[in-house]
Protein backbone atom coordinates (compact mmCIF):
# COMPACT_ATOMS: atom_id res chain seq x y z
CA MET A 1 -0.56 -0.19 0.14
CA LYS A 2 1.29 3.23 -1.22
CA THR A 3 1.71 5.74 1.81
CA LEU A 4 -0.02 9.16 2.41
CA GLN A 5 3.59 10.97 0.87
CA GLU A 6 3.00 9.11 -2.21
CA LEU A 7 -0.48 9.43 -2.59
CA ARG A 8 0.32 13.01 -2.56
CA ALA A 9 2.75 13.08 -4.77
CA GLU A 10 0.35 11.80 -7.04
CA VAL A 11 -2.29 14.25 -6.68
CA ASP A 12 -0.21 17.23 -7.11
CA GLN A 13 1.42 15.47 -10.76
CA ILE A 14 -2.14 15.14 -11.25
CA ASP A 15 -2.86 19.14 -10.17
CA THR A 16 0.07 19.74 -12.41
CA PHE A 17 -1.00 18.08 -15.16
CA ILE A 18 -4.60 19.69 -14.90
CA ILE A 19 -2.89 23.23 -14.85
CA GLU A 20 -0.88 22.46 -18.12
CA GLN A 21 -4.02 20.96 -20.12
CA LEU A 22 -5.96 24.54 -18.89
CA ALA A 23 -2.88 26.44 -19.77
CA ARG A 24 -2.84 24.93 -23.78
CA ARG A 25 -6.89 25.32 -23.34
CA ASN A 26 -6.57 28.97 -23.04
CA HIS A 27 -4.44 29.06 -26.05
CA LEU A 28 -6.97 27.48 -27.89
CA SER A 29 -9.83 29.25 -27.30
CA SER A 30 -7.53 32.55 -27.94
CA ILE A 31 -7.20 31.19 -31.68
CA ILE A 32 -10.67 30.59 -31.47
CA GLY A 33 -11.45 33.73 -30.59
CA PHE A 34 -9.59 35.42 -33.61
CA LEU A 35 -11.08 32.81 -36.05
CA LYS A 36 -14.40 33.73 -34.75
CA LEU A 37 -13.66 37.73 -35.27
CA GLN A 38 -12.59 36.63 -38.88
CA GLU A 39 -15.49 34.85 -39.82
CA LYS A 40 -17.76 37.40 -37.87
CA GLN A 41 -19.13 34.85 -35.68
CA ASN A 42 -20.61 35.26 -32.23
CA ILE A 43 -18.55 34.32 -28.82
CA HIS A 44 -21.70 32.89 -27.62
CA ASP A 45 -22.45 29.49 -29.19
CA PRO A 46 -25.38 28.30 -27.84
CA ALA A 47 -25.69 24.56 -29.31
CA ARG A 48 -21.99 23.78 -28.83
CA GLU A 49 -22.32 24.67 -25.35
CA GLU A 50 -25.22 22.34 -24.89
CA GLU A 51 -23.35 19.72 -27.03
CA LEU A 52 -20.19 19.98 -24.47
CA LYS A 53 -23.16 20.01 -21.63
CA ASN A 54 -24.18 16.74 -22.91
CA LYS A 55 -20.99 15.29 -23.75
CA HIS A 56 -19.45 16.15 -20.66
CA ALA A 57 -22.26 14.80 -18.66
CA SER A 58 -21.57 11.21 -20.79
CA LEU A 59 -18.49 11.07 -19.45
CA ALA A 60 -19.20 11.95 -16.14
CA LYS A 61 -21.36 9.27 -15.52
CA MET A 62 -18.82 7.14 -17.50
CA HIS A 63 -16.13 7.89 -15.05
CA ASN A 64 -18.10 7.68 -12.10
CA LEU A 65 -18.59 11.50 -11.19
CA ASP A 66 -21.19 13.80 -10.26
CA PRO A 67 -22.76 15.21 -13.53
CA LEU A 68 -23.24 18.34 -11.28
CA PHE A 69 -20.27 18.50 -9.92
CA ILE A 70 -18.75 18.15 -13.80
CA GLU A 71 -21.01 20.84 -15.25
CA GLY A 72 -19.91 23.20 -12.53
CA LEU A 73 -16.42 23.16 -13.18
CA PHE A 74 -16.76 23.19 -16.89
CA ASN A 75 -19.59 26.32 -16.86
CA VAL A 76 -16.45 28.07 -14.50
CA ILE A 77 -13.67 27.02 -17.79
CA LEU A 78 -16.61 27.82 -20.01
CA LYS A 79 -17.03 31.35 -18.75
CA HIS A 80 -13.18 32.13 -18.94
CA SER A 81 -13.01 30.35 -22.35
CA LYS A 82 -15.34 33.53 -23.02
CA LYS A 83 -13.18 35.96 -21.73
CA LEU A 84 -10.25 35.00 -23.58
CA GLN A 85 -12.34 35.24 -26.84
CA LYS A 86 -13.82 38.48 -26.14
CA LYS A 87 -10.55 39.90 -24.88
CA THR A 88 -8.89 38.71 -28.49
CA LYS A 89 -11.92 40.63 -30.23
CA LYS A 90 -10.36 43.51 -28.36
CA ILE A 91 -6.56 43.11 -30.17
């Protein structure tokens, strides 16, 4: 059995991975914002957001996670992504 320290080290590695992936997602969101500007598309895309919500709920259930927790988490992520895309429009 792993020690508390070993388990915490694994959690720290996972946290690092999550943060790195969020940084990557932010970069992609900025590029998407630029493309939306070029194509004269709205930042807010309700159909895409509904598609993501359904996908995330399905993945949450598949991995035995609380779908409401995942929905709340991605609401924060999507809100930030839209904020980044709006900033891109101002450039």
